[in-house]
Amino acid sequence: MKTIKVREFEVPVEIIGEVAELIASNDLENSITGTDENQEIIFIEVSYDKDEEDHKAAIHEIEDAINDYDDEEDVDDEKEGD
């Protein structure tokens, strides 16, 4: 029996291509649900089978891509403040 879960991600526009590739290459169902007011963040809902290892791995890769981007932004912000 499949256990379908839904996750919403806040994806920066700058990495939407990378995230889209992860979603498409793992055949994850998804929908774009909106953007922030500055259109810098895209909200995407992704459905995945909790018991499918490939799906769970893809979800973690999406999380990692977003976190890596956020970490890079934090470093850039610190450099600008110097």
C-alpha atoms as a PDB file:
ATOM      1  CA  MET A   1       0.000   0.000   0.000  1.00  0.00           C
ATOM      2  CA  LYS A   2       1.333   3.417  -0.950  1.00  0.00           C
ATOM      3  CA  THR A   3       1.682   6.129   1.635  1.00  0.00           C
ATOM      4  CA  ILE A   4       1.509   9.409  -0.258  1.00  0.00           C
ATOM      5  CA  LYS A   5       2.854  12.505   1.448  1.00  0.00           C
ATOM      6  CA  VAL A   6       2.815  16.097   0.233  1.00  0.00           C
ATOM      7  CA  ARG A   7       5.587  18.614   0.898  1.00  0.00           C
ATOM      8  CA  GLU A   8       5.555  22.282   0.046  1.00  0.00           C
ATOM      9  CA  PHE A   9       8.858  23.856  -0.894  1.00  0.00           C
ATOM     10  CA  GLU A  10       9.805  27.515  -1.146  1.00  0.00           C
ATOM     11  CA  VAL A  11      12.171  27.453  -4.109  1.00  0.00           C
ATOM     12  CA  PRO A  12      14.302  30.488  -4.978  1.00  0.00           C
ATOM     13  CA  VAL A  13      13.901  31.444  -8.647  1.00  0.00           C
ATOM     14  CA  GLU A  14      17.661  31.131  -9.144  1.00  0.00           C
ATOM     15  CA  ILE A  15      17.565  27.340  -8.572  1.00  0.00           C
ATOM     16  CA  ILE A  16      14.169  26.461 -10.066  1.00  0.00           C
ATOM     17  CA  GLY A  17      15.845  24.644 -12.977  1.00  0.00           C
ATOM     18  CA  GLU A  18      17.812  22.385 -10.639  1.00  0.00           C
ATOM     19  CA  VAL A  19      14.738  21.599  -8.543  1.00  0.00           C
ATOM     20  CA  ALA A  20      12.606  21.012 -11.644  1.00  0.00           C
ATOM     21  CA  GLU A  21      15.169  18.506 -12.911  1.00  0.00           C
ATOM     22  CA  LEU A  22      15.069  16.607  -9.604  1.00  0.00           C
ATOM     23  CA  ILE A  23      11.267  16.531  -9.703  1.00  0.00           C
ATOM     24  CA  ALA A  24      11.088  15.430 -13.353  1.00  0.00           C
ATOM     25  CA  SER A  25      13.856  12.821 -13.199  1.00  0.00           C
ATOM     26  CA  ASN A  26      12.146  11.129 -10.245  1.00  0.00           C
ATOM     27  CA  ASP A  27       8.601  11.307 -11.695  1.00  0.00           C
ATOM     28  CA  LEU A  28       7.275  13.210  -8.696  1.00  0.00           C
ATOM     29  CA  GLU A  29       3.799  14.687  -8.966  1.00  0.00           C
ATOM     30  CA  ASN A  30       3.906  18.413  -8.338  1.00  0.00           C
ATOM     31  CA  SER A  31       2.129  21.694  -8.730  1.00  0.00           C
ATOM     32  CA  ILE A  32       3.147  25.311  -8.496  1.00  0.00           C
ATOM     33  CA  THR A  33       0.937  26.941  -5.898  1.00  0.00           C
ATOM     34  CA  GLY A  34       2.190  30.526  -6.044  1.00  0.00           C
ATOM     35  CA  THR A  35       5.021  32.990  -5.577  1.00  0.00           C
ATOM     36  CA  ASP A  36       6.033  35.523  -2.995  1.00  0.00           C
ATOM     37  CA  GLU A  37       5.107  39.155  -3.638  1.00  0.00           C
ATOM     38  CA  ASN A  38       8.528  39.911  -5.167  1.00  0.00           C
ATOM     39  CA  GLN A  39       8.377  36.786  -7.357  1.00  0.00           C
ATOM     40  CA  GLU A  40      11.729  35.660  -5.982  1.00  0.00           C
ATOM     41  CA  ILE A  41      10.341  32.477  -4.379  1.00  0.00           C
ATOM     42  CA  ILE A  42       8.143  29.878  -6.091  1.00  0.00           C
ATOM     43  CA  PHE A  43       5.917  27.682  -3.918  1.00  0.00           C
ATOM     44  CA  ILE A  44       5.793  24.093  -5.159  1.00  0.00           C
ATOM     45  CA  GLU A  45       3.844  21.169  -3.705  1.00  0.00           C
ATOM     46  CA  VAL A  46       5.430  17.778  -4.337  1.00  0.00           C
ATOM     47  CA  SER A  47       3.638  14.463  -3.750  1.00  0.00           C
ATOM     48  CA  TYR A  48       5.744  11.387  -3.098  1.00  0.00           C
ATOM     49  CA  ASP A  49       5.454   7.811  -1.897  1.00  0.00           C
ATOM     50  CA  LYS A  50       6.912   7.724   1.612  1.00  0.00           C
ATOM     51  CA  ASP A  51       7.858   4.058   1.182  1.00  0.00           C
ATOM     52  CA  GLU A  52       9.711   4.602  -2.124  1.00  0.00           C
ATOM     53  CA  GLU A  53      13.431   5.115  -1.424  1.00  0.00           C
ATOM     54  CA  ASP A  54      14.036   6.985  -4.697  1.00  0.00           C
ATOM     55  CA  HIS A  55      11.256   9.443  -3.866  1.00  0.00           C
ATOM     56  CA  LYS A  56      12.578  10.044  -0.344  1.00  0.00           C
ATOM     57  CA  ALA A  57      16.085  10.563  -1.737  1.00  0.00           C
ATOM     58  CA  ALA A  58      14.756  13.101  -4.260  1.00  0.00           C
ATOM     59  CA  ILE A  59      12.932  15.005  -1.506  1.00  0.00           C
ATOM     60  CA  HIS A  60      16.186  15.180   0.474  1.00  0.00           C
ATOM     61  CA  GLU A  61      18.053  16.382  -2.631  1.00  0.00           C
ATOM     62  CA  ILE A  62      15.499  19.165  -3.104  1.00  0.00           C
ATOM     63  CA  GLU A  63      15.868  20.157   0.547  1.00  0.00           C
ATOM     64  CA  ASP A  64      19.667  20.121   0.199  1.00  0.00           C
ATOM     65  CA  ALA A  65      19.581  22.286  -2.941  1.00  0.00           C
ATOM     66  CA  ILE A  66      17.410  24.883  -1.189  1.00  0.00           C
ATOM     67  CA  ASN A  67      19.516  24.811   1.986  1.00  0.00           C
ATOM     68  CA  ASP A  68      22.772  25.096  -0.007  1.00  0.00           C
ATOM     69  CA  TYR A  69      21.369  28.099  -1.862  1.00  0.00           C
ATOM     70  CA  ASP A  70      20.248  29.712   1.408  1.00  0.00           C
ATOM     71  CA  ASP A  71      23.700  29.120   2.921  1.00  0.00           C
ATOM     72  CA  GLU A  72      25.382  30.756  -0.089  1.00  0.00           C
ATOM     73  CA  GLU A  73      23.024  33.735   0.190  1.00  0.00           C
ATOM     74  CA  ASP A  74      23.910  34.123   3.880  1.00  0.00           C
ATOM     75  CA  VAL A  75      27.633  34.178   3.035  1.00  0.00           C
ATOM     76  CA  ASP A  76      27.053  36.733   0.276  1.00  0.00           C
ATOM     77  CA  ASP A  77      25.054  38.911   2.682  1.00  0.00           C
ATOM     78  CA  GLU A  78      27.872  38.768   5.237  1.00  0.00           C
ATOM     79  CA  LYS A  79      30.433  39.798   2.598  1.00  0.00           C
ATOM     80  CA  GLU A  80      28.300  42.797   1.595  1.00  0.00           C
ATOM     81  CA  GLY A  81      28.095  43.873   5.243  1.00  0.00           C
ATOM     82  CA  ASP A  82      31.896  44.013   5.627  1.00  0.00           C
END
